[in-house]
Amino acid sequence: MNAMPPFPSAAAPHNAMQESKLRRLLARVDAYRQAGQRDSAIASLEAVVQLQPDKVQHQLDLADLHLENENHGAARALAMRAIEGHIESPALALQLIKLLAALSESGLILQIAQQLPPSMWDSANSLAHVASQLSLVGALDLAREFARAAVARDPSHPAALSIHATQDVFHGDLPSAASHAERCLAYVPGDSGSHWLLSRLRLPEAERRIERIERELARNPGGEDEANLGYALHNELHDIKQYERAWAALERACRAKRSTLDYSTERATALFAQLREWRADELARDDGYPGAGPIPIFVIGQHRSGTTLAERIVSGHSQVAQGGETYDIRAGLRRISGLHFRAESDPRVIAMRERIDYRALGEHYLQGIAWRAKGKRYVTDKLPSNYLNLGFIARALPQARFVHLNRDPVDVGLSNLRTLFSHACPYSYDQAEFIAHYRLYLGLMEHWRALLPDRILDVNYQDLVDNPETASARIASFCGLGYEPSMVQIEKRSDAVSTASSVMMREGIRKDRSQVWKAYESQLQPIIRAFAASY
């Protein structure tokens, strides 16, 4: 990528005839989009791009349309073209960053932010949005730099205060997180995200926060705001052991979040059945990418099964970099297939698995994750749901290893219900949907173990917390490493953690996280009965 110029002036206008044609074409694009005729809108915008081939704005708008049409290849090609063009304003640079985020091009986002430091941006709003995008791709140190710059630019800007508070949590500065979230609420009392963030910090004087959360919920906000506030209320009530009220708040929050999601157990069942069609002879083929690059260690399992703890332990080794939760495998599958899909896996990609270029998939992955490795020999990738794509990963990356976390399914079930995810785990807001999903997951993992017995290490969460040195030595040996005492000293580390366990990771390896569900035993009977054989 070439160095980006510092927001040069826009190009001179074209002649009157060309301007008239442009206006007509752009009017058609708007009309077609409003009518839902996406293909016609794309055709008209392609004509605009041909008329003004150097205009980055048109390239980005066309790329967004292609993404709506699930054409990843065309959108990515336009994004790569836009990167080399003239970025005329911070607004355009931000649009480019958001496009790259949709494409999961984390390394390019990082490059842009490094080439356009905070001093070059026009407002606290722009800085806050850049910080948010950097945070989403895991560039947490740079995200914090932008967040601090945003608040310095405008100390009363709510979005800047909110992202600053979020970065404080990720970096373990909980007093600062509380301060910035409270400042945000002083300007926007109904900011549901700040209420939710504060509820995760386990602060004193819960009654005061409970009262103002209930006041906001009384306004019946609906959707994401109701979910945020409901989860905030649940967390505060849970911490003061008012479990009946806490459960009622959780049920309301789950209903609100579930209403925003498009999830179907039937579609999930079909997807898992398709994944179980992978055969041993397919995975035995030697057509992956064994070339130079960091050796990836994939930490997989259910969300809230201990994957963050496992990653913190293995990345405590001197030769292992912490990669965090990445979507680089999904990005590679999109790039190779040319299809744009939101979920971690897609039936169309699974159907074309015999035609996938696995060498290219592996090479793209290692190139994309290199910045996370920071020159170390190994790097972790802790997206729990990568177990869905284990077949693709194993074939594309013959050097990769998989550390799979197992945990009591009722513990996992309650923890899923109690966690407000962004887009992950759409099954986790309803007990029946969780039960169905968990059974599908168990069946798929049994299938992968049968196909790849030597490449998957099962680690029991309870063993990890009860006997951390022994379990950690076992993980290290499986990865080809020697055990180091620093692996289990996670409380001594100051690097950022951006998962749902970010607060707990500052407290070291806790032994009191099992059977939290007993406080809600009567309410959790569907999950308890479903997995009674586990006891």
Protein backbone atom coordinates (compact mmCIF):
# COMPACT_ATOMS: atom_id res chain seq x y z
CA MET A 1 0.00 0.00 0.00
CA ASN A 2 1.35 3.42 -0.92
CA ALA A 3 1.54 6.24 1.59
CA MET A 4 -1.80 8.03 1.71
CA PRO A 5 -1.66 11.79 1.06
CA PRO A 6 -2.95 14.15 3.77
CA PHE A 7 -6.48 14.66 2.47
CA PRO A 8 -5.65 16.59 -0.76
CA SER A 9 -8.12 18.98 -2.32
CA ALA A 10 -10.83 17.57 -4.55
CA ALA A 11 -10.20 17.40 -8.27
CA ALA A 12 -11.48 20.21 -10.48
CA PRO A 13 -15.05 19.79 -11.79
CA HIS A 14 -15.66 18.30 -15.21
CA ASN A 15 -17.33 20.10 -18.13
CA ALA A 16 -21.03 20.91 -18.08
CA MET A 17 -22.10 18.05 -20.35
CA GLN A 18 -20.26 15.50 -18.25
CA GLU A 19 -21.66 16.97 -15.05
CA SER A 20 -25.18 16.69 -16.45
CA LYS A 21 -24.65 13.04 -17.35
CA LEU A 22 -23.22 12.36 -13.89
CA ARG A 23 -26.23 13.91 -12.20
CA ARG A 24 -28.61 11.77 -14.28
CA LEU A 25 -26.69 8.60 -13.52
CA LEU A 26 -26.48 9.34 -9.80
CA ALA A 27 -30.21 10.12 -9.74
CA ARG A 28 -30.84 6.71 -11.32
CA VAL A 29 -28.66 5.04 -8.69
CA ASP A 30 -30.76 6.61 -5.92
CA ALA A 31 -34.02 5.72 -7.64
CA TYR A 32 -32.98 2.10 -8.24
CA ARG A 33 -31.81 1.71 -4.65
CA GLN A 34 -35.07 3.07 -3.27
CA ALA A 35 -36.96 0.65 -5.52
CA GLY A 36 -34.83 -2.26 -4.31
CA GLN A 37 -33.40 -2.83 -7.81
CA ARG A 38 -29.82 -3.41 -6.68
CA ASP A 39 -28.48 -4.83 -9.96
CA SER A 40 -29.71 -1.80 -11.88
CA ALA A 41 -28.22 0.51 -9.24
CA ILE A 42 -24.88 -1.27 -9.61
CA ALA A 43 -24.98 -0.94 -13.40
CA SER A 44 -25.67 2.80 -13.17
CA LEU A 45 -22.95 3.34 -10.59
CA GLU A 46 -20.48 1.38 -12.71
CA ALA A 47 -21.21 3.85 -15.50
CA VAL A 48 -20.46 6.67 -13.05
CA VAL A 49 -17.13 5.05 -12.15
CA GLN A 50 -16.24 4.77 -15.83
CA LEU A 51 -17.06 8.45 -16.28
CA GLN A 52 -14.97 9.47 -13.24
CA PRO A 53 -12.49 6.60 -12.80
CA ASP A 54 -10.35 8.45 -10.24
CA LYS A 55 -13.19 9.48 -7.94
CA VAL A 56 -12.76 7.44 -4.75
CA GLN A 57 -16.23 8.30 -3.46
CA HIS A 58 -17.87 6.48 -6.37
CA GLN A 59 -15.60 3.47 -5.93
CA LEU A 60 -16.53 3.16 -2.26
CA ASP A 61 -20.24 3.58 -2.94
CA LEU A 62 -20.07 0.91 -5.63
CA ALA A 63 -18.16 -1.40 -3.29
CA ASP A 64 -20.89 -1.00 -0.66
CA LEU A 65 -23.51 -1.97 -3.24
CA HIS A 66 -21.53 -5.06 -4.20
CA LEU A 67 -21.35 -6.07 -0.54
CA GLU A 68 -25.13 -5.73 -0.29
CA ASN A 69 -25.23 -8.06 -3.30
CA GLU A 70 -22.86 -10.50 -1.52
CA ASN A 71 -20.18 -10.01 -4.19
CA HIS A 72 -17.05 -9.96 -2.07
CA GLY A 73 -14.59 -10.12 -4.96
CA ALA A 74 -15.90 -7.02 -6.73
CA ALA A 75 -16.12 -5.07 -3.46
CA ARG A 76 -12.59 -5.96 -2.47
CA ALA A 77 -11.19 -5.04 -5.89
CA LEU A 78 -12.79 -1.59 -5.59
CA ALA A 79 -11.46 -1.18 -2.05
CA MET A 80 -7.91 -1.97 -3.21
CA ARG A 81 -8.34 0.57 -6.02
CA ALA A 82 -9.64 3.20 -3.60
CA ILE A 83 -6.64 2.78 -1.31
CA GLU A 84 -4.37 3.93 -4.12
CA GLY A 85 -6.56 6.94 -4.94
CA HIS A 86 -6.92 10.45 -3.55
CA ILE A 87 -8.65 10.49 -0.18
CA GLU A 88 -10.16 13.95 -0.20
CA SER A 89 -11.46 14.23 3.35
CA PRO A 90 -11.56 12.54 6.73
CA ALA A 91 -15.15 11.49 5.99
CA LEU A 92 -13.97 9.62 2.90
CA ALA A 93 -11.08 8.03 4.80
CA LEU A 94 -13.53 6.85 7.44
CA GLN A 95 -15.82 5.39 4.78
CA LEU A 96 -12.82 3.50 3.39
CA ILE A 97 -11.93 2.17 6.84
CA LYS A 98 -15.51 0.98 7.40
CA LEU A 99 -15.46 -0.78 4.03
CA LEU A 100 -12.18 -2.50 4.90
CA ALA A 101 -13.69 -3.53 8.23
CA ALA A 102 -16.62 -5.13 6.40
CA LEU A 103 -14.07 -6.96 4.26
CA SER A 104 -12.10 -8.01 7.40
CA GLU A 105 -8.94 -6.38 6.04
CA SER A 106 -7.50 -5.64 9.47
CA GLY A 107 -3.92 -5.09 8.34
CA LEU A 108 -4.94 -2.39 5.87
CA ILE A 109 -7.02 -0.59 8.49
CA LEU A 110 -3.97 -0.58 10.73
CA GLN A 111 -1.81 0.85 7.94
CA ILE A 112 -4.26 3.67 7.24
CA ALA A 113 -4.46 4.61 10.92
CA GLN A 114 -0.67 4.61 11.16
CA GLN A 115 -0.32 6.80 8.07
CA LEU A 116 -3.08 9.18 9.19
CA PRO A 117 -2.34 9.75 12.91
CA PRO A 118 -4.84 11.44 15.24
CA SER A 119 -3.52 14.94 14.56
CA MET A 120 -4.63 14.69 10.92
CA TRP A 121 -8.31 14.01 11.66
CA ASP A 122 -10.91 16.75 11.73
CA SER A 123 -13.03 16.05 14.80
CA ALA A 124 -13.58 14.05 17.94
CA ASN A 125 -16.34 12.23 16.09
CA SER A 126 -13.97 11.01 13.35
CA LEU A 127 -11.34 10.02 15.91
CA ALA A 128 -13.90 8.07 17.93
CA HIS A 129 -15.07 6.18 14.86
CA VAL A 130 -11.49 5.27 13.88
CA ALA A 131 -10.84 4.13 17.45
CA SER A 132 -13.93 1.93 17.30
CA GLN A 133 -12.87 0.28 14.03
CA LEU A 134 -9.33 -0.30 15.33
CA SER A 135 -10.79 -1.85 18.45
CA LEU A 136 -12.97 -4.22 16.44
CA VAL A 137 -9.97 -5.60 14.52
CA GLY A 138 -7.88 -5.98 17.67
CA ALA A 139 -5.41 -3.10 17.23
CA LEU A 140 -6.10 -2.12 20.82
CA ASP A 141 -3.06 0.01 21.63
CA LEU A 142 -3.63 2.22 18.59
CA ALA A 143 -7.37 2.27 19.31
CA ARG A 144 -6.64 3.65 22.76
CA GLU A 145 -4.39 6.33 21.25
CA PHE A 146 -7.22 7.48 18.97
CA ALA A 147 -9.77 7.31 21.80
CA ARG A 148 -7.60 9.49 24.03
CA ALA A 149 -7.10 11.94 21.17
CA ALA A 150 -10.87 12.08 20.62
CA VAL A 151 -11.55 13.02 24.24
CA ALA A 152 -8.69 15.52 24.20
CA ARG A 153 -10.21 17.11 21.09
CA ASP A 154 -13.66 17.39 22.69
CA PRO A 155 -13.98 16.38 26.36
CA SER A 156 -17.79 16.50 26.14
CA HIS A 157 -18.22 14.30 23.07
CA PRO A 158 -20.34 11.26 24.11
CA ALA A 159 -19.01 8.82 21.49
CA ALA A 160 -15.43 9.77 22.36
CA LEU A 161 -16.06 9.24 26.07
CA SER A 162 -17.75 5.91 25.36
CA ILE A 163 -14.95 4.45 23.25
CA HIS A 164 -12.39 5.76 25.77
CA ALA A 165 -14.24 3.91 28.54
CA THR A 166 -14.29 0.75 26.45
CA GLN A 167 -10.55 0.95 25.83
CA ASP A 168 -9.97 1.53 29.53
CA VAL A 169 -11.75 -1.76 30.25
CA PHE A 170 -9.72 -3.63 27.67
CA HIS A 171 -6.48 -2.23 29.11
CA GLY A 172 -7.43 -2.96 32.71
CA ASP A 173 -7.87 0.65 33.90
CA LEU A 174 -11.28 0.18 35.51
CA PRO A 175 -11.40 3.44 37.52
CA SER A 176 -10.79 5.41 34.33
CA ALA A 177 -13.44 3.34 32.54
CA ALA A 178 -15.98 4.20 35.23
CA SER A 179 -15.07 7.88 35.11
CA HIS A 180 -15.43 8.16 31.33
CA ALA A 181 -18.69 6.18 31.26
CA GLU A 182 -20.16 8.41 33.97
CA ARG A 183 -19.08 11.50 32.03
CA CYS A 184 -20.82 10.12 28.95
CA LEU A 185 -24.02 9.59 30.95
CA ALA A 186 -23.83 13.14 32.25
CA TYR A 187 -24.29 14.32 28.65
CA VAL A 188 -26.53 11.47 27.44
CA PRO A 189 -28.36 9.93 30.44
CA GLY A 190 -29.95 7.30 28.23
CA ASP A 191 -26.72 6.00 26.67
CA SER A 192 -27.45 2.30 27.10
CA GLY A 193 -23.92 1.19 26.25
CA SER A 194 -22.46 3.20 29.13
CA HIS A 195 -24.98 1.74 31.58
CA TRP A 196 -24.02 -1.74 30.40
CA LEU A 197 -20.28 -1.05 30.62
CA LEU A 198 -20.57 0.26 34.18
CA SER A 199 -22.54 -2.83 35.20
CA ARG A 200 -19.59 -5.03 34.24
CA LEU A 201 -17.18 -3.27 36.62
CA ARG A 202 -18.77 -4.53 39.88
CA LEU A 203 -18.68 -1.10 41.50
CA PRO A 204 -20.10 -0.16 44.90
CA GLU A 205 -23.41 1.72 45.27
CA ALA A 206 -25.27 -0.57 42.89
CA GLU A 207 -28.64 0.71 44.12
CA ARG A 208 -28.03 4.16 42.62
CA ARG A 209 -27.23 2.66 39.20
CA ILE A 210 -30.16 0.23 39.41
CA GLU A 211 -32.57 3.11 39.99
CA ARG A 212 -31.42 5.08 36.95
CA ILE A 213 -31.34 1.97 34.72
CA GLU A 214 -34.92 1.17 35.70
CA ARG A 215 -35.84 4.77 34.93
CA GLU A 216 -34.47 4.40 31.41
CA LEU A 217 -36.16 1.01 30.92
CA ALA A 218 -39.48 2.57 31.91
CA ARG A 219 -39.26 4.55 28.69
CA ASN A 220 -39.59 1.23 26.77
CA PRO A 221 -36.67 1.92 24.42
CA GLY A 222 -36.85 -1.39 22.53
CA GLY A 223 -34.24 -3.23 20.45
CA GLU A 224 -30.55 -2.89 21.23
CA ASP A 225 -31.09 -0.15 23.82
CA GLU A 226 -33.52 -2.30 25.76
CA ALA A 227 -31.09 -5.23 25.56
CA ASN A 228 -28.17 -3.11 26.82
CA LEU A 229 -30.21 -1.71 29.69
CA GLY A 230 -31.71 -5.08 30.55
CA TYR A 231 -28.30 -6.70 30.73
CA ALA A 232 -27.00 -3.79 32.79
CA LEU A 233 -29.86 -4.22 35.26
CA HIS A 234 -29.29 -7.96 35.41
CA ASN A 235 -25.57 -7.55 36.12
CA GLU A 236 -26.14 -5.04 38.91
CA LEU A 237 -28.85 -7.14 40.57
CA HIS A 238 -26.81 -10.34 40.20
CA ASP A 239 -23.83 -8.74 41.94
CA ILE A 240 -25.95 -7.83 44.99
CA LYS A 241 -27.50 -11.32 44.95
CA GLN A 242 -31.07 -10.28 44.15
CA TYR A 243 -31.41 -13.28 41.88
CA GLU A 244 -35.18 -13.29 41.27
CA ARG A 245 -35.14 -9.70 40.05
CA ALA A 246 -31.91 -10.36 38.16
CA TRP A 247 -33.49 -13.25 36.26
CA ALA A 248 -36.53 -11.16 35.31
CA ALA A 249 -34.21 -8.46 33.95
CA LEU A 250 -32.22 -11.09 32.04
CA GLU A 251 -35.35 -12.53 30.45
CA ARG A 252 -36.40 -9.09 29.27
CA ALA A 253 -32.92 -8.38 27.90
CA CYS A 254 -32.78 -11.71 26.07
CA ARG A 255 -36.17 -11.13 24.46
CA ALA A 256 -35.10 -7.67 23.31
CA LYS A 257 -31.82 -8.90 21.83
CA ARG A 258 -33.41 -11.95 20.21
CA SER A 259 -35.95 -9.70 18.47
CA THR A 260 -33.09 -8.04 16.56
CA LEU A 261 -31.59 -11.28 15.23
CA ASP A 262 -32.26 -13.48 12.22
CA TYR A 263 -31.54 -16.98 13.51
CA SER A 264 -33.12 -20.32 12.77
CA THR A 265 -32.36 -23.66 14.43
CA GLU A 266 -33.47 -25.34 11.21
CA ARG A 267 -30.86 -23.44 9.15
CA ALA A 268 -28.21 -24.17 11.77
CA THR A 269 -29.06 -27.88 11.71
CA ALA A 270 -28.67 -27.96 7.93
CA LEU A 271 -25.32 -26.16 8.13
CA PHE A 272 -23.92 -28.56 10.74
CA ALA A 273 -25.10 -31.55 8.70
CA GLN A 274 -23.26 -30.15 5.69
CA LEU A 275 -20.09 -29.66 7.76
CA ARG A 276 -20.23 -33.28 8.85
CA GLU A 277 -19.89 -34.26 5.18
CA TRP A 278 -16.15 -33.53 5.35
CA ARG A 279 -14.22 -36.78 4.79
CA ALA A 280 -10.86 -38.03 6.02
CA ASP A 281 -9.49 -38.35 2.48
CA GLU A 282 -10.21 -34.66 1.84
CA LEU A 283 -8.24 -33.58 4.89
CA ALA A 284 -5.37 -35.93 4.05
CA ARG A 285 -4.59 -34.11 0.81
CA ASP A 286 -1.30 -32.24 0.77
CA ASP A 287 -2.41 -29.03 -0.93
CA GLY A 288 -2.25 -26.46 1.88
CA TYR A 289 0.32 -23.76 2.51
CA PRO A 290 3.29 -24.96 4.57
CA GLY A 291 5.35 -21.84 3.83
CA ALA A 292 7.03 -19.30 6.04
CA GLY A 293 5.02 -17.44 8.64
CA PRO A 294 3.92 -17.71 12.24
CA ILE A 295 2.55 -21.05 13.39
CA PRO A 296 -1.11 -20.52 14.34
CA ILE A 297 -2.64 -21.99 17.47
CA PHE A 298 -6.43 -21.95 17.19
CA VAL A 299 -8.25 -21.85 20.52
CA ILE A 300 -11.76 -23.11 19.85
CA GLY A 301 -14.90 -24.17 21.68
CA GLN A 302 -18.11 -22.59 22.79
CA HIS A 303 -18.15 -18.92 23.66
CA ARG A 304 -17.78 -18.59 27.45
CA SER A 305 -16.14 -22.01 27.77
CA GLY A 306 -12.75 -20.71 28.93
CA THR A 307 -11.18 -19.87 25.58
CA THR A 308 -9.97 -16.44 26.74
CA LEU A 309 -8.26 -18.00 29.76
CA ALA A 310 -6.66 -20.66 27.57
CA GLU A 311 -5.40 -18.05 25.13
CA ARG A 312 -3.99 -15.91 27.95
CA ILE A 313 -2.13 -18.93 29.26
CA VAL A 314 -0.64 -20.10 25.97
CA SER A 315 0.25 -16.55 24.88
CA GLY A 316 2.08 -16.11 28.18
CA HIS A 317 4.82 -18.19 26.60
CA SER A 318 7.78 -16.18 25.37
CA GLN A 319 7.45 -17.54 21.83
CA VAL A 320 3.70 -16.97 21.44
CA ALA A 321 1.93 -13.74 20.45
CA GLN A 322 -1.67 -13.11 21.48
CA GLY A 323 -3.69 -12.71 18.30
CA GLY A 324 -7.10 -12.32 19.95
CA GLU A 325 -10.44 -13.03 18.28
CA THR A 326 -9.90 -12.57 14.56
CA TYR A 327 -12.16 -13.09 11.59
CA ASP A 328 -9.20 -13.75 9.29
CA ILE A 329 -10.37 -17.26 8.39
CA ARG A 330 -13.75 -15.93 7.34
CA ALA A 331 -11.99 -13.16 5.41
CA GLY A 332 -9.92 -15.77 3.57
CA LEU A 333 -12.96 -17.88 2.72
CA ARG A 334 -14.73 -14.80 1.39
CA ARG A 335 -11.71 -13.83 -0.67
CA ILE A 336 -11.21 -17.30 -2.14
CA SER A 337 -14.91 -17.92 -2.84
CA GLY A 338 -15.77 -14.39 -3.96
CA LEU A 339 -18.86 -14.54 -1.74
CA HIS A 340 -19.67 -12.06 1.01
CA PHE A 341 -21.42 -13.64 3.98
CA ARG A 342 -21.87 -12.44 7.56
CA ALA A 343 -21.74 -15.67 9.55
CA GLU A 344 -18.53 -17.53 10.30
CA SER A 345 -19.39 -20.20 7.75
CA ASP A 346 -21.75 -20.43 4.79
CA PRO A 347 -23.45 -23.35 3.01
CA ARG A 348 -22.35 -22.10 -0.41
CA VAL A 349 -18.68 -22.11 0.60
CA ILE A 350 -18.93 -25.57 2.15
CA ALA A 351 -20.53 -26.82 -1.07
CA MET A 352 -17.56 -25.58 -3.11
CA ARG A 353 -14.90 -26.97 -0.77
CA GLU A 354 -13.53 -29.32 -3.47
CA ARG A 355 -12.79 -26.29 -5.66
CA ILE A 356 -11.10 -24.16 -2.99
CA ASP A 357 -7.47 -23.15 -3.53
CA TYR A 358 -6.20 -24.24 -0.11
CA ARG A 359 -2.65 -23.11 -0.70
CA ALA A 360 -3.88 -19.58 -1.43
CA LEU A 361 -6.24 -19.71 1.56
CA GLY A 362 -3.39 -20.61 3.89
CA GLU A 363 -1.02 -18.04 2.38
CA HIS A 364 -3.60 -15.23 2.61
CA TYR A 365 -4.28 -16.15 6.23
CA LEU A 366 -0.63 -16.08 7.29
CA GLN A 367 -0.06 -12.79 5.47
CA GLY A 368 -3.08 -11.25 7.15
CA ILE A 369 -2.20 -12.38 10.66
CA ALA A 370 1.50 -11.49 10.46
CA TRP A 371 1.02 -8.08 12.12
CA ARG A 372 -0.54 -9.77 15.13
CA ALA A 373 2.42 -12.16 15.55
CA LYS A 374 4.88 -9.27 16.14
CA GLY A 375 7.77 -11.37 14.91
CA LYS A 376 7.14 -14.30 17.26
CA ARG A 377 7.22 -17.89 16.10
CA TYR A 378 3.64 -18.68 17.18
CA VAL A 379 0.42 -16.67 17.25
CA THR A 380 -2.95 -17.49 18.74
CA ASP A 381 -6.31 -17.08 17.02
CA LYS A 382 -9.05 -17.23 19.62
CA LEU A 383 -12.31 -16.98 17.74
CA PRO A 384 -14.19 -19.81 19.52
CA SER A 385 -16.47 -20.53 16.56
CA ASN A 386 -13.54 -21.36 14.30
CA TYR A 387 -14.49 -24.95 15.13
CA LEU A 388 -17.05 -24.53 12.33
CA ASN A 389 -14.29 -24.01 9.77
CA LEU A 390 -11.90 -26.55 11.21
CA GLY A 391 -11.87 -28.57 7.99
CA PHE A 392 -10.88 -25.56 5.88
CA ILE A 393 -8.24 -24.49 8.41
CA ALA A 394 -6.71 -27.94 8.84
CA ARG A 395 -6.32 -28.43 5.11
CA ALA A 396 -5.08 -24.90 4.32
CA LEU A 397 -2.67 -24.72 7.28
CA PRO A 398 -1.05 -28.12 7.88
CA GLN A 399 1.11 -26.64 10.66
CA ALA A 400 -1.87 -25.31 12.67
CA ARG A 401 -2.91 -26.84 15.97
CA PHE A 402 -6.31 -26.71 17.70
CA VAL A 403 -6.80 -26.33 21.45
CA HIS A 404 -10.42 -27.15 22.21
CA LEU A 405 -12.00 -26.07 25.50
CA ASN A 406 -14.66 -28.21 27.19
CA ARG A 407 -16.77 -26.89 30.04
CA ASP A 408 -19.85 -27.92 31.98
CA PRO A 409 -22.73 -27.28 29.52
CA VAL A 410 -24.92 -25.70 32.20
CA ASP A 411 -22.13 -23.31 33.15
CA VAL A 412 -21.71 -22.50 29.46
CA GLY A 413 -25.45 -22.16 28.98
CA LEU A 414 -25.96 -19.68 31.79
CA SER A 415 -22.84 -17.73 30.85
CA ASN A 416 -24.13 -17.48 27.28
CA LEU A 417 -27.50 -16.24 28.48
CA ARG A 418 -25.81 -13.68 30.74
CA THR A 419 -23.48 -12.34 28.03
CA LEU A 420 -24.57 -9.62 25.63
CA PHE A 421 -22.79 -10.41 22.37
CA SER A 422 -22.62 -8.04 19.43
CA HIS A 423 -23.31 -10.36 16.48
CA ALA A 424 -21.97 -13.70 17.71
CA CYS A 425 -24.02 -16.47 19.30
CA PRO A 426 -27.53 -15.64 18.06
CA TYR A 427 -28.73 -18.89 19.66
CA SER A 428 -27.69 -17.74 23.15
CA TYR A 429 -30.79 -15.75 24.13
CA ASP A 430 -33.21 -18.66 24.36
CA GLN A 431 -32.68 -21.88 26.34
CA ALA A 432 -34.25 -24.15 23.74
CA GLU A 433 -32.15 -22.65 20.95
CA PHE A 434 -28.99 -22.96 23.06
CA ILE A 435 -29.73 -26.62 23.80
CA ALA A 436 -30.23 -27.40 20.10
CA HIS A 437 -27.06 -25.53 19.16
CA TYR A 438 -24.95 -27.19 21.85
CA ARG A 439 -26.01 -30.66 20.71
CA LEU A 440 -25.08 -29.76 17.12
CA TYR A 441 -21.70 -28.52 18.35
CA LEU A 442 -21.01 -31.73 20.28
CA GLY A 443 -21.78 -33.80 17.20
CA LEU A 444 -19.55 -31.72 14.96
CA MET A 445 -16.61 -31.84 17.38
CA GLU A 446 -16.95 -35.63 17.56
CA HIS A 447 -16.74 -35.66 13.76
CA TRP A 448 -13.61 -33.47 13.69
CA ARG A 449 -11.89 -35.63 16.33
CA ALA A 450 -12.51 -38.72 14.24
CA LEU A 451 -10.97 -37.05 11.18
CA LEU A 452 -8.10 -35.23 12.91
CA PRO A 453 -7.25 -37.16 16.09
CA ASP A 454 -3.68 -35.86 16.35
CA ARG A 455 -4.36 -32.18 15.73
CA ILE A 456 -7.03 -31.43 18.33
CA LEU A 457 -6.23 -31.21 22.04
CA ASP A 458 -9.25 -31.33 24.35
CA VAL A 459 -8.76 -29.26 27.49
CA ASN A 460 -11.24 -29.35 30.35
CA TYR A 461 -11.89 -25.91 31.79
CA GLN A 462 -12.12 -27.22 35.36
CA ASP A 463 -8.74 -28.92 35.01
CA LEU A 464 -7.31 -25.66 33.69
CA VAL A 465 -8.39 -23.69 36.78
CA ASP A 466 -7.80 -26.45 39.36
CA ASN A 467 -4.40 -27.58 38.05
CA PRO A 468 -3.17 -24.73 35.83
CA GLU A 469 0.50 -25.73 35.76
CA THR A 470 -0.22 -29.32 34.69
CA ALA A 471 -2.85 -28.34 32.12
CA SER A 472 -0.67 -25.53 30.74
CA ALA A 473 2.32 -27.84 30.37
CA ARG A 474 0.09 -30.23 28.43
CA ILE A 475 -1.03 -27.42 26.10
CA ALA A 476 2.55 -26.25 25.60
CA SER A 477 3.75 -29.75 24.76
CA PHE A 478 0.94 -30.23 22.26
CA CYS A 479 1.98 -27.01 20.51
CA GLY A 480 5.63 -28.04 20.39
CA LEU A 481 6.70 -25.76 23.24
CA GLY A 482 8.27 -26.17 26.63
CA TYR A 483 6.33 -25.08 29.71
CA GLU A 484 7.19 -21.66 31.17
CA PRO A 485 5.92 -20.50 34.61
CA SER A 486 4.90 -17.15 33.10
CA MET A 487 2.11 -18.94 31.26
CA VAL A 488 -0.07 -19.18 34.37
CA GLN A 489 0.83 -15.76 35.79
CA ILE A 490 -1.86 -14.01 33.79
CA GLU A 491 -2.58 -11.43 36.49
CA LYS A 492 0.92 -9.97 35.97
CA ARG A 493 0.30 -9.13 32.33
CA SER A 494 -0.69 -5.63 31.26
CA ASP A 495 -1.55 -6.22 27.59
CA ALA A 496 -5.11 -5.55 26.49
CA VAL A 497 -7.96 -8.08 26.43
CA SER A 498 -11.06 -7.28 24.37
CA THR A 499 -13.29 -10.30 24.97
CA ALA A 500 -16.27 -10.63 27.31
CA SER A 501 -13.81 -11.88 29.97
CA SER A 502 -11.65 -8.75 29.86
CA VAL A 503 -12.48 -7.69 33.44
CA MET A 504 -11.97 -11.15 34.98
CA MET A 505 -8.61 -11.70 33.29
CA ARG A 506 -7.09 -9.00 35.55
CA GLU A 507 -7.90 -11.14 38.59
CA GLY A 508 -5.77 -14.13 37.67
CA ILE A 509 -6.98 -17.72 37.37
CA ARG A 510 -10.20 -17.82 39.36
CA LYS A 511 -11.57 -21.05 40.82
CA ASP A 512 -15.02 -19.69 41.70
CA ARG A 513 -16.57 -19.46 38.23
CA SER A 514 -18.05 -22.96 38.13
CA GLN A 515 -21.67 -23.69 39.05
CA VAL A 516 -22.71 -20.04 39.15
CA TRP A 517 -25.88 -21.50 37.67
CA LYS A 518 -27.00 -22.82 41.09
CA ALA A 519 -28.32 -19.32 41.86
CA TYR A 520 -30.75 -19.83 38.97
CA GLU A 521 -31.30 -23.56 39.26
CA SER A 522 -35.09 -23.44 39.07
CA GLN A 523 -35.09 -21.12 36.03
CA LEU A 524 -32.46 -23.18 34.18
CA GLN A 525 -34.30 -26.49 34.34
CA PRO A 526 -34.57 -26.84 30.53
CA ILE A 527 -30.76 -26.76 30.15
CA ILE A 528 -30.16 -28.82 33.30
CA ARG A 529 -32.55 -31.56 32.16
CA ALA A 530 -31.11 -31.53 28.64
CA PHE A 531 -27.61 -32.26 29.90
CA ALA A 532 -28.41 -34.29 32.99
CA ALA A 533 -26.11 -37.07 31.76
CA SER A 534 -23.19 -34.71 32.39
CA TYR A 535 -23.68 -35.05 36.16
